[in-house]
Amino acid sequence: MAGKIGRGITGNLAYVATKGAISAFTVSLAAELAPLKITVNAVDPGPTDSGWMDEQLQQYLLPKFPMGRIGKPEDAARTILFLASDDAMWVTGQIIHSDGGYWD
């Protein structure tokens, strides 16, 4: 599994490059659209069990989640719902790490 941006990750150059590009794109587009009162943010949910994880992978990842469980799709959905609400109208240009404290 790849870690957060800022660490070197061998064997995953395309993944790391695109993750960095999304971060730069988010911040730049947020600045472009701010005068129009349009917010732009990204959500980094970390490893999320949407049905693709087998038991072995779950057991490997579980100790890396201080919250005591692996992420579920609804965890990311709640973050996105917040960002789409009026409650987040002042949040823009952010990469939200909604990952239960996951570390790699």
PDB file of N, CA and C in Angstrom:
ATOM      1  N   MET A   1       0.847  -1.177   0.000  1.00  0.00           N
ATOM      2  CA  MET A   1       0.000   0.000   0.000  1.00  0.00           C
ATOM      3  C   MET A   1       0.888   1.235   0.000  1.00  0.00           C
ATOM      4  N   ALA A   2       0.462   2.222  -0.702  1.00  0.00           N
ATOM      5  CA  ALA A   2       1.229   3.456  -0.769  1.00  0.00           C
ATOM      6  C   ALA A   2       0.924   4.343   0.417  1.00  0.00           C
ATOM      7  N   GLY A   3       1.894   5.142   0.789  1.00  0.00           N
ATOM      8  CA  GLY A   3       1.732   6.034   1.927  1.00  0.00           C
ATOM      9  C   GLY A   3       1.322   7.428   1.494  1.00  0.00           C
ATOM     10  N   LYS A   4       1.295   8.331   2.440  1.00  0.00           N
ATOM     11  CA  LYS A   4       0.934   9.710   2.176  1.00  0.00           C
ATOM     12  C   LYS A   4       2.038  10.384   1.366  1.00  0.00           C
ATOM     13  N   ILE A   5       1.649  11.430   0.655  1.00  0.00           N
ATOM     14  CA  ILE A   5       2.614  12.194  -0.129  1.00  0.00           C
ATOM     15  C   ILE A   5       3.676  12.757   0.811  1.00  0.00           C
ATOM     16  N   GLY A   6       4.899  12.803   0.338  1.00  0.00           N
ATOM     17  CA  GLY A   6       5.995  13.321   1.142  1.00  0.00           C
ATOM     18  C   GLY A   6       7.013  12.237   1.434  1.00  0.00           C
ATOM     19  N   ARG A   7       6.624  11.001   1.272  1.00  0.00           N
ATOM     20  CA  ARG A   7       7.534   9.879   1.449  1.00  0.00           C
ATOM     21  C   ARG A   7       7.825   9.273   0.087  1.00  0.00           C
ATOM     22  N   GLY A   8       9.036   8.785  -0.068  1.00  0.00           N
ATOM     23  CA  GLY A   8       9.349   8.070  -1.294  1.00  0.00           C
ATOM     24  C   GLY A   8       8.706   6.690  -1.266  1.00  0.00           C
ATOM     25  N   ILE A   9       8.124   6.304  -2.377  1.00  0.00           N
ATOM     26  CA  ILE A   9       7.478   5.004  -2.471  1.00  0.00           C
ATOM     27  C   ILE A   9       8.023   4.315  -3.722  1.00  0.00           C
ATOM     28  N   THR A  10       8.766   3.254  -3.530  1.00  0.00           N
ATOM     29  CA  THR A  10       9.337   2.558  -4.677  1.00  0.00           C
ATOM     30  C   THR A  10       8.281   1.689  -5.351  1.00  0.00           C
ATOM     31  N   GLY A  11       8.418   1.548  -6.666  1.00  0.00           N
ATOM     32  CA  GLY A  11       7.542   0.669  -7.426  1.00  0.00           C
ATOM     33  C   GLY A  11       6.172   1.236  -7.733  1.00  0.00           C
ATOM     34  N   ASN A  12       5.911   2.469  -7.357  1.00  0.00           N
ATOM     35  CA  ASN A  12       4.592   3.066  -7.570  1.00  0.00           C
ATOM     36  C   ASN A  12       4.694   4.476  -8.146  1.00  0.00           C
ATOM     37  N   LEU A  13       5.626   4.694  -9.049  1.00  0.00           N
ATOM     38  CA  LEU A  13       5.878   6.038  -9.561  1.00  0.00           C
ATOM     39  C   LEU A  13       4.629   6.661 -10.178  1.00  0.00           C
ATOM     40  N   ALA A  14       3.895   5.929 -10.995  1.00  0.00           N
ATOM     41  CA  ALA A  14       2.697   6.499 -11.629  1.00  0.00           C
ATOM     42  C   ALA A  14       1.659   6.882 -10.584  1.00  0.00           C
ATOM     43  N   TYR A  15       1.475   6.046  -9.573  1.00  0.00           N
ATOM     44  CA  TYR A  15       0.511   6.336  -8.511  1.00  0.00           C
ATOM     45  C   TYR A  15       0.905   7.603  -7.758  1.00  0.00           C
ATOM     46  N   VAL A  16       2.162   7.689  -7.381  1.00  0.00           N
ATOM     47  CA  VAL A  16       2.640   8.838  -6.612  1.00  0.00           C
ATOM     48  C   VAL A  16       2.561  10.114  -7.458  1.00  0.00           C
ATOM     49  N   ALA A  17       2.926  10.025  -8.726  1.00  0.00           N
ATOM     50  CA  ALA A  17       2.879  11.196  -9.601  1.00  0.00           C
ATOM     51  C   ALA A  17       1.452  11.706  -9.764  1.00  0.00           C
ATOM     52  N   THR A  18       0.499  10.803  -9.946  1.00  0.00           N
ATOM     53  CA  THR A  18      -0.878  11.243 -10.129  1.00  0.00           C
ATOM     54  C   THR A  18      -1.465  11.766  -8.817  1.00  0.00           C
ATOM     55  N   LYS A  19      -1.068  11.197  -7.694  1.00  0.00           N
ATOM     56  CA  LYS A  19      -1.543  11.692  -6.399  1.00  0.00           C
ATOM     57  C   LYS A  19      -1.026  13.115  -6.163  1.00  0.00           C
ATOM     58  N   GLY A  20       0.225  13.346  -6.502  1.00  0.00           N
ATOM     59  CA  GLY A  20       0.787  14.689  -6.391  1.00  0.00           C
ATOM     60  C   GLY A  20       0.114  15.662  -7.349  1.00  0.00           C
ATOM     61  N   ALA A  21      -0.191  15.188  -8.547  1.00  0.00           N
ATOM     62  CA  ALA A  21      -0.862  16.041  -9.533  1.00  0.00           C
ATOM     63  C   ALA A  21      -2.254  16.434  -9.053  1.00  0.00           C
ATOM     64  N   ILE A  22      -2.980  15.509  -8.448  1.00  0.00           N
ATOM     65  CA  ILE A  22      -4.312  15.817  -7.939  1.00  0.00           C
ATOM     66  C   ILE A  22      -4.226  16.875  -6.839  1.00  0.00           C
ATOM     67  N   SER A  23      -3.229  16.774  -5.981  1.00  0.00           N
ATOM     68  CA  SER A  23      -3.056  17.771  -4.921  1.00  0.00           C
ATOM     69  C   SER A  23      -2.793  19.150  -5.520  1.00  0.00           C
ATOM     70  N   ALA A  24      -1.872  19.235  -6.461  1.00  0.00           N
ATOM     71  CA  ALA A  24      -1.550  20.515  -7.096  1.00  0.00           C
ATOM     72  C   ALA A  24      -2.746  21.056  -7.877  1.00  0.00           C
ATOM     73  N   PHE A  25      -3.452  20.184  -8.568  1.00  0.00           N
ATOM     74  CA  PHE A  25      -4.636  20.575  -9.340  1.00  0.00           C
ATOM     75  C   PHE A  25      -5.720  21.138  -8.407  1.00  0.00           C
ATOM     76  N   THR A  26      -5.936  20.471  -7.270  1.00  0.00           N
ATOM     77  CA  THR A  26      -6.960  20.905  -6.314  1.00  0.00           C
ATOM     78  C   THR A  26      -6.684  22.319  -5.820  1.00  0.00           C
ATOM     79  N   VAL A  27      -5.457  22.570  -5.399  1.00  0.00           N
ATOM     80  CA  VAL A  27      -5.092  23.889  -4.869  1.00  0.00           C
ATOM     81  C   VAL A  27      -5.183  24.950  -5.959  1.00  0.00           C
ATOM     82  N   SER A  28      -4.687  24.636  -7.150  1.00  0.00           N
ATOM     83  CA  SER A  28      -4.701  25.612  -8.247  1.00  0.00           C
ATOM     84  C   SER A  28      -6.113  25.916  -8.727  1.00  0.00           C
ATOM     85  N   LEU A  29      -6.935  24.877  -8.879  1.00  0.00           N
ATOM     86  CA  LEU A  29      -8.310  25.091  -9.334  1.00  0.00           C
ATOM     87  C   LEU A  29      -9.118  25.847  -8.283  1.00  0.00           C
ATOM     88  N   ALA A  30      -8.852  25.592  -7.018  1.00  0.00           N
ATOM     89  CA  ALA A  30      -9.535  26.324  -5.945  1.00  0.00           C
ATOM     90  C   ALA A  30      -9.247  27.818  -6.057  1.00  0.00           C
ATOM     91  N   ALA A  31      -8.000  28.178  -6.336  1.00  0.00           N
ATOM     92  CA  ALA A  31      -7.641  29.593  -6.501  1.00  0.00           C
ATOM     93  C   ALA A  31      -8.315  30.197  -7.726  1.00  0.00           C
ATOM     94  N   GLU A  32      -8.388  29.423  -8.805  1.00  0.00           N
ATOM     95  CA  GLU A  32      -9.033  29.900 -10.040  1.00  0.00           C
ATOM     96  C   GLU A  32     -10.521  30.167  -9.846  1.00  0.00           C
ATOM     97  N   LEU A  33     -11.185  29.284  -9.117  1.00  0.00           N
ATOM     98  CA  LEU A  33     -12.641  29.357  -9.007  1.00  0.00           C
ATOM     99  C   LEU A  33     -13.144  30.121  -7.787  1.00  0.00           C
ATOM    100  N   ALA A  34     -12.258  30.469  -6.873  1.00  0.00           N
ATOM    101  CA  ALA A  34     -12.667  31.196  -5.670  1.00  0.00           C
ATOM    102  C   ALA A  34     -13.415  32.499  -5.977  1.00  0.00           C
ATOM    103  N   PRO A  35     -12.980  33.292  -6.969  1.00  0.00           N
ATOM    104  CA  PRO A  35     -13.732  34.519  -7.259  1.00  0.00           C
ATOM    105  C   PRO A  35     -15.181  34.259  -7.673  1.00  0.00           C
ATOM    106  N   LEU A  36     -15.457  33.040  -8.140  1.00  0.00           N
ATOM    107  CA  LEU A  36     -16.820  32.668  -8.526  1.00  0.00           C
ATOM    108  C   LEU A  36     -17.588  32.032  -7.372  1.00  0.00           C
ATOM    109  N   LYS A  37     -16.949  32.010  -6.181  1.00  0.00           N
ATOM    110  CA  LYS A  37     -17.547  31.395  -4.981  1.00  0.00           C
ATOM    111  C   LYS A  37     -17.768  29.895  -5.148  1.00  0.00           C
ATOM    112  N   ILE A  38     -16.885  29.259  -5.909  1.00  0.00           N
ATOM    113  CA  ILE A  38     -16.914  27.809  -6.097  1.00  0.00           C
ATOM    114  C   ILE A  38     -15.749  27.217  -5.317  1.00  0.00           C
ATOM    115  N   THR A  39     -16.038  26.252  -4.461  1.00  0.00           N
ATOM    116  CA  THR A  39     -14.989  25.608  -3.678  1.00  0.00           C
ATOM    117  C   THR A  39     -14.526  24.340  -4.379  1.00  0.00           C
ATOM    118  N   VAL A  40     -13.247  24.030  -4.182  1.00  0.00           N
ATOM    119  CA  VAL A  40     -12.646  22.823  -4.758  1.00  0.00           C
ATOM    120  C   VAL A  40     -11.812  22.166  -3.671  1.00  0.00           C
ATOM    121  N   ASN A  41     -12.115  20.913  -3.380  1.00  0.00           N
ATOM    122  CA  ASN A  41     -11.386  20.151  -2.376  1.00  0.00           C
ATOM    123  C   ASN A  41     -11.225  18.719  -2.871  1.00  0.00           C
ATOM    124  N   ALA A  42     -10.355  17.974  -2.222  1.00  0.00           N
ATOM    125  CA  ALA A  42     -10.176  16.556  -2.548  1.00  0.00           C
ATOM    126  C   ALA A  42     -10.226  15.765  -1.246  1.00  0.00           C
ATOM    127  N   VAL A  43     -10.643  14.526  -1.345  1.00  0.00           N
ATOM    128  CA  VAL A  43     -10.710  13.645  -0.187  1.00  0.00           C
ATOM    129  C   VAL A  43      -9.752  12.484  -0.408  1.00  0.00           C
ATOM    130  N   ASP A  44      -8.876  12.256   0.568  1.00  0.00           N
ATOM    131  CA  ASP A  44      -7.970  11.113   0.570  1.00  0.00           C
ATOM    132  C   ASP A  44      -8.468  10.161   1.659  1.00  0.00           C
ATOM    133  N   PRO A  45      -9.214   9.114   1.275  1.00  0.00           N
ATOM    134  CA  PRO A  45      -9.818   8.253   2.280  1.00  0.00           C
ATOM    135  C   PRO A  45      -8.895   7.168   2.820  1.00  0.00           C
ATOM    136  N   GLY A  46      -7.681   7.051   2.291  1.00  0.00           N
ATOM    137  CA  GLY A  46      -6.825   5.942   2.715  1.00  0.00           C
ATOM    138  C   GLY A  46      -7.419   4.620   2.255  1.00  0.00           C
ATOM    139  N   PRO A  47      -6.855   3.517   2.694  1.00  0.00           N
ATOM    140  CA  PRO A  47      -7.387   2.209   2.297  1.00  0.00           C
ATOM    141  C   PRO A  47      -8.839   2.059   2.768  1.00  0.00           C
ATOM    142  N   THR A  48      -9.697   1.741   1.838  1.00  0.00           N
ATOM    143  CA  THR A  48     -11.124   1.633   2.119  1.00  0.00           C
ATOM    144  C   THR A  48     -11.625   0.286   1.627  1.00  0.00           C
ATOM    145  N   ASP A  49     -12.275  -0.446   2.505  1.00  0.00           N
ATOM    146  CA  ASP A  49     -12.790  -1.765   2.129  1.00  0.00           C
ATOM    147  C   ASP A  49     -14.147  -1.620   1.454  1.00  0.00           C
ATOM    148  N   SER A  50     -14.111  -1.600   0.144  1.00  0.00           N
ATOM    149  CA  SER A  50     -15.341  -1.524  -0.643  1.00  0.00           C
ATOM    150  C   SER A  50     -15.642  -2.890  -1.275  1.00  0.00           C
ATOM    151  N   GLY A  51     -15.110  -3.944  -0.648  1.00  0.00           N
ATOM    152  CA  GLY A  51     -15.363  -5.290  -1.133  1.00  0.00           C
ATOM    153  C   GLY A  51     -14.178  -5.949  -1.808  1.00  0.00           C
ATOM    154  N   TRP A  52     -13.116  -5.218  -2.008  1.00  0.00           N
ATOM    155  CA  TRP A  52     -11.957  -5.763  -2.728  1.00  0.00           C
ATOM    156  C   TRP A  52     -10.906  -6.371  -1.816  1.00  0.00           C
ATOM    157  N   MET A  53     -10.968  -6.110  -0.513  1.00  0.00           N
ATOM    158  CA  MET A  53      -9.930  -6.597   0.400  1.00  0.00           C
ATOM    159  C   MET A  53     -10.214  -8.026   0.849  1.00  0.00           C
ATOM    160  N   ASP A  54      -9.194  -8.868   0.782  1.00  0.00           N
ATOM    161  CA  ASP A  54      -9.345 -10.211   1.341  1.00  0.00           C
ATOM    162  C   ASP A  54      -8.956 -10.180   2.821  1.00  0.00           C
ATOM    163  N   GLU A  55      -9.195 -11.257   3.522  1.00  0.00           N
ATOM    164  CA  GLU A  55      -8.944 -11.333   4.964  1.00  0.00           C
ATOM    165  C   GLU A  55      -7.475 -11.074   5.296  1.00  0.00           C
ATOM    166  N   GLN A  56      -6.573 -11.594   4.483  1.00  0.00           N
ATOM    167  CA  GLN A  56      -5.143 -11.415   4.741  1.00  0.00           C
ATOM    168  C   GLN A  56      -4.762  -9.932   4.675  1.00  0.00           C
ATOM    169  N   LEU A  57      -5.244  -9.224   3.683  1.00  0.00           N
ATOM    170  CA  LEU A  57      -4.940  -7.797   3.560  1.00  0.00           C
ATOM    171  C   LEU A  57      -5.568  -7.008   4.717  1.00  0.00           C
ATOM    172  N   GLN A  58      -6.775  -7.352   5.085  1.00  0.00           N
ATOM    173  CA  GLN A  58      -7.420  -6.675   6.206  1.00  0.00           C
ATOM    174  C   GLN A  58      -6.606  -6.841   7.488  1.00  0.00           C
ATOM    175  N   GLN A  59      -6.126  -8.045   7.746  1.00  0.00           N
ATOM    176  CA  GLN A  59      -5.335  -8.297   8.957  1.00  0.00           C
ATOM    177  C   GLN A  59      -4.015  -7.539   8.925  1.00  0.00           C
ATOM    178  N   TYR A  60      -3.431  -7.400   7.740  1.00  0.00           N
ATOM    179  CA  TYR A  60      -2.191  -6.640   7.584  1.00  0.00           C
ATOM    180  C   TYR A  60      -2.420  -5.147   7.857  1.00  0.00           C
ATOM    181  N   LEU A  61      -3.536  -4.609   7.338  1.00  0.00           N
ATOM    182  CA  LEU A  61      -3.799  -3.179   7.441  1.00  0.00           C
ATOM    183  C   LEU A  61      -4.353  -2.756   8.799  1.00  0.00           C
ATOM    184  N   LEU A  62      -5.127  -3.582   9.434  1.00  0.00           N
ATOM    185  CA  LEU A  62      -5.845  -3.202  10.651  1.00  0.00           C
ATOM    186  C   LEU A  62      -4.962  -2.545  11.717  1.00  0.00           C
ATOM    187  N   PRO A  63      -3.762  -3.054  12.016  1.00  0.00           N
ATOM    188  CA  PRO A  63      -2.936  -2.392  13.037  1.00  0.00           C
ATOM    189  C   PRO A  63      -2.490  -0.979  12.663  1.00  0.00           C
ATOM    190  N   LYS A  64      -2.630  -0.611  11.397  1.00  0.00           N
ATOM    191  CA  LYS A  64      -2.212   0.712  10.937  1.00  0.00           C
ATOM    192  C   LYS A  64      -3.324   1.756  11.079  1.00  0.00           C
ATOM    193  N   PHE A  65      -4.469   1.349  11.623  1.00  0.00           N
ATOM    194  CA  PHE A  65      -5.603   2.244  11.828  1.00  0.00           C
ATOM    195  C   PHE A  65      -5.803   2.476  13.319  1.00  0.00           C
ATOM    196  N   PRO A  66      -5.357   3.610  13.861  1.00  0.00           N
ATOM    197  CA  PRO A  66      -5.534   3.882  15.283  1.00  0.00           C
ATOM    198  C   PRO A  66      -7.000   3.876  15.723  1.00  0.00           C
ATOM    199  N   MET A  67      -7.922   4.099  14.796  1.00  0.00           N
ATOM    200  CA  MET A  67      -9.340   4.103  15.139  1.00  0.00           C
ATOM    201  C   MET A  67      -9.880   2.685  15.335  1.00  0.00           C
ATOM    202  N   GLY A  68      -9.054   1.664  15.034  1.00  0.00           N
ATOM    203  CA  GLY A  68      -9.438   0.286  15.314  1.00  0.00           C
ATOM    204  C   GLY A  68     -10.239  -0.424  14.246  1.00  0.00           C
ATOM    205  N   ARG A  69     -10.394   0.207  13.095  1.00  0.00           N
ATOM    206  CA  ARG A  69     -11.093  -0.456  11.995  1.00  0.00           C
ATOM    207  C   ARG A  69     -10.638   0.111  10.667  1.00  0.00           C
ATOM    208  N   ILE A  70     -10.898  -0.630   9.620  1.00  0.00           N
ATOM    209  CA  ILE A  70     -10.570  -0.201   8.260  1.00  0.00           C
ATOM    210  C   ILE A  70     -11.700   0.692   7.750  1.00  0.00           C
ATOM    211  N   GLY A  71     -11.338   1.637   6.907  1.00  0.00           N
ATOM    212  CA  GLY A  71     -12.327   2.562   6.363  1.00  0.00           C
ATOM    213  C   GLY A  71     -13.395   1.868   5.542  1.00  0.00           C
ATOM    214  N   LYS A  72     -14.572   2.476   5.535  1.00  0.00           N
ATOM    215  CA  LYS A  72     -15.714   2.002   4.758  1.00  0.00           C
ATOM    216  C   LYS A  72     -16.117   3.108   3.788  1.00  0.00           C
ATOM    217  N   PRO A  73     -16.741   2.771   2.680  1.00  0.00           N
ATOM    218  CA  PRO A  73     -17.149   3.810   1.726  1.00  0.00           C
ATOM    219  C   PRO A  73     -17.978   4.923   2.357  1.00  0.00           C
ATOM    220  N   GLU A  74     -18.820   4.579   3.327  1.00  0.00           N
ATOM    221  CA  GLU A  74     -19.652   5.614   3.941  1.00  0.00           C
ATOM    222  C   GLU A  74     -18.830   6.627   4.736  1.00  0.00           C
ATOM    223  N   ASP A  75     -17.622   6.253   5.158  1.00  0.00           N
ATOM    224  CA  ASP A  75     -16.745   7.218   5.835  1.00  0.00           C
ATOM    225  C   ASP A  75     -16.360   8.340   4.875  1.00  0.00           C
ATOM    226  N   ALA A  76     -15.934   7.975   3.686  1.00  0.00           N
ATOM    227  CA  ALA A  76     -15.590   8.979   2.671  1.00  0.00           C
ATOM    228  C   ALA A  76     -16.840   9.747   2.246  1.00  0.00           C
ATOM    229  N   ALA A  77     -17.967   9.054   2.140  1.00  0.00           N
ATOM    230  CA  ALA A  77     -19.215   9.708   1.716  1.00  0.00           C
ATOM    231  C   ALA A  77     -19.617  10.811   2.695  1.00  0.00           C
ATOM    232  N   ARG A  78     -19.452  10.574   3.997  1.00  0.00           N
ATOM    233  CA  ARG A  78     -19.804  11.604   4.989  1.00  0.00           C
ATOM    234  C   ARG A  78     -18.916  12.837   4.837  1.00  0.00           C
ATOM    235  N   THR A  79     -17.633  12.612   4.550  1.00  0.00           N
ATOM    236  CA  THR A  79     -16.722  13.742   4.349  1.00  0.00           C
ATOM    237  C   THR A  79     -17.129  14.534   3.113  1.00  0.00           C
ATOM    238  N   ILE A  80     -17.456  13.833   2.052  1.00  0.00           N
ATOM    239  CA  ILE A  80     -17.876  14.492   0.805  1.00  0.00           C
ATOM    240  C   ILE A  80     -19.187  15.236   1.014  1.00  0.00           C
ATOM    241  N   LEU A  81     -20.109  14.631   1.752  1.00  0.00           N
ATOM    242  CA  LEU A  81     -21.385  15.285   2.044  1.00  0.00           C
ATOM    243  C   LEU A  81     -21.150  16.603   2.785  1.00  0.00           C
ATOM    244  N   PHE A  82     -20.236  16.584   3.755  1.00  0.00           N
ATOM    245  CA  PHE A  82     -19.892  17.819   4.457  1.00  0.00           C
ATOM    246  C   PHE A  82     -19.335  18.859   3.486  1.00  0.00           C
ATOM    247  N   LEU A  83     -18.379  18.461   2.644  1.00  0.00           N
ATOM    248  CA  LEU A  83     -17.754  19.411   1.724  1.00  0.00           C
ATOM    249  C   LEU A  83     -18.748  19.990   0.723  1.00  0.00           C
ATOM    250  N   ALA A  84     -19.791  19.239   0.409  1.00  0.00           N
ATOM    251  CA  ALA A  84     -20.810  19.716  -0.527  1.00  0.00           C
ATOM    252  C   ALA A  84     -21.877  20.574   0.165  1.00  0.00           C
ATOM    253  N   SER A  85     -21.827  20.646   1.473  1.00  0.00           N
ATOM    254  CA  SER A  85     -22.840  21.394   2.229  1.00  0.00           C
ATOM    255  C   SER A  85     -22.429  22.855   2.420  1.00  0.00           C
ATOM    256  N   ASP A  86     -23.398  23.668   2.812  1.00  0.00           N
ATOM    257  CA  ASP A  86     -23.119  25.067   3.126  1.00  0.00           C
ATOM    258  C   ASP A  86     -22.200  25.208   4.332  1.00  0.00           C
ATOM    259  N   ASP A  87     -22.145  24.184   5.180  1.00  0.00           N
ATOM    260  CA  ASP A  87     -21.255  24.231   6.347  1.00  0.00           C
ATOM    261  C   ASP A  87     -19.787  24.310   5.950  1.00  0.00           C
ATOM    262  N   ALA A  88     -19.470  23.908   4.721  1.00  0.00           N
ATOM    263  CA  ALA A  88     -18.082  23.908   4.246  1.00  0.00           C
ATOM    264  C   ALA A  88     -17.812  25.030   3.247  1.00  0.00           C
ATOM    265  N   MET A  89     -18.657  26.040   3.229  1.00  0.00           N
ATOM    266  CA  MET A  89     -18.512  27.095   2.213  1.00  0.00           C
ATOM    267  C   MET A  89     -17.206  27.882   2.324  1.00  0.00           C
ATOM    268  N   TRP A  90     -16.492  27.779   3.442  1.00  0.00           N
ATOM    269  CA  TRP A  90     -15.234  28.491   3.638  1.00  0.00           C
ATOM    270  C   TRP A  90     -14.036  27.560   3.474  1.00  0.00           C
ATOM    271  N   VAL A  91     -14.286  26.311   3.143  1.00  0.00           N
ATOM    272  CA  VAL A  91     -13.224  25.319   2.971  1.00  0.00           C
ATOM    273  C   VAL A  91     -12.960  25.166   1.477  1.00  0.00           C
ATOM    274  N   THR A  92     -11.760  25.517   1.055  1.00  0.00           N
ATOM    275  CA  THR A  92     -11.406  25.347  -0.353  1.00  0.00           C
ATOM    276  C   THR A  92      -9.898  25.145  -0.498  1.00  0.00           C
ATOM    277  N   GLY A  93      -9.512  24.406  -1.512  1.00  0.00           N
ATOM    278  CA  GLY A  93      -8.099  24.138  -1.774  1.00  0.00           C
ATOM    279  C   GLY A  93      -7.490  23.146  -0.804  1.00  0.00           C
ATOM    280  N   GLN A  94      -8.306  22.300  -0.194  1.00  0.00           N
ATOM    281  CA  GLN A  94      -7.815  21.377   0.825  1.00  0.00           C
ATOM    282  C   GLN A  94      -7.838  19.928   0.343  1.00  0.00           C
ATOM    283  N   ILE A  95      -6.886  19.165   0.826  1.00  0.00           N
ATOM    284  CA  ILE A  95      -6.885  17.714   0.663  1.00  0.00           C
ATOM    285  C   ILE A  95      -7.266  17.178   2.049  1.00  0.00           C
ATOM    286  N   ILE A  96      -8.452  16.641   2.179  1.00  0.00           N
ATOM    287  CA  ILE A  96      -8.936  16.153   3.468  1.00  0.00           C
ATOM    288  C   ILE A  96      -8.548  14.680   3.609  1.00  0.00           C
ATOM    289  N   HIS A  97      -7.761  14.404   4.621  1.00  0.00           N
ATOM    290  CA  HIS A  97      -7.345  13.023   4.899  1.00  0.00           C
ATOM    291  C   HIS A  97      -8.343  12.407   5.861  1.00  0.00           C
ATOM    292  N   SER A  98      -9.344  11.792   5.300  1.00  0.00           N
ATOM    293  CA  SER A  98     -10.400  11.135   6.071  1.00  0.00           C
ATOM    294  C   SER A  98     -10.057   9.653   6.114  1.00  0.00           C
ATOM    295  N   ASP A  99      -9.036   9.316   6.929  1.00  0.00           N
ATOM    296  CA  ASP A  99      -8.458   7.972   6.851  1.00  0.00           C
ATOM    297  C   ASP A  99      -8.339   7.270   8.197  1.00  0.00           C
ATOM    298  N   GLY A 100      -9.052   7.770   9.201  1.00  0.00           N
ATOM    299  CA  GLY A 100      -9.010   7.116  10.515  1.00  0.00           C
ATOM    300  C   GLY A 100      -7.635   7.121  11.156  1.00  0.00           C
ATOM    301  N   GLY A 101      -6.765   8.037  10.741  1.00  0.00           N
ATOM    302  CA  GLY A 101      -5.416   8.106  11.288  1.00  0.00           C
ATOM    303  C   GLY A 101      -4.463   7.101  10.685  1.00  0.00           C
ATOM    304  N   TYR A 102      -4.842   6.501   9.569  1.00  0.00           N
ATOM    305  CA  TYR A 102      -4.019   5.474   8.910  1.00  0.00           C
ATOM    306  C   TYR A 102      -2.576   5.938   8.742  1.00  0.00           C
ATOM    307  N   TRP A 103      -1.662   5.085   9.032  1.00  0.00           N
ATOM    308  CA  TRP A 103      -0.229   5.336   8.819  1.00  0.00           C
ATOM    309  C   TRP A 103       0.357   4.179   8.055  1.00  0.00           C
ATOM    310  N   ASP A 104       1.376   4.458   7.278  1.00  0.00           N
ATOM    311  CA  ASP A 104       2.020   3.410   6.491  1.00  0.00           C
ATOM    312  C   ASP A 104       3.513   3.515   6.653  1.00  0.00           C
TER     313      ASP A 104
END
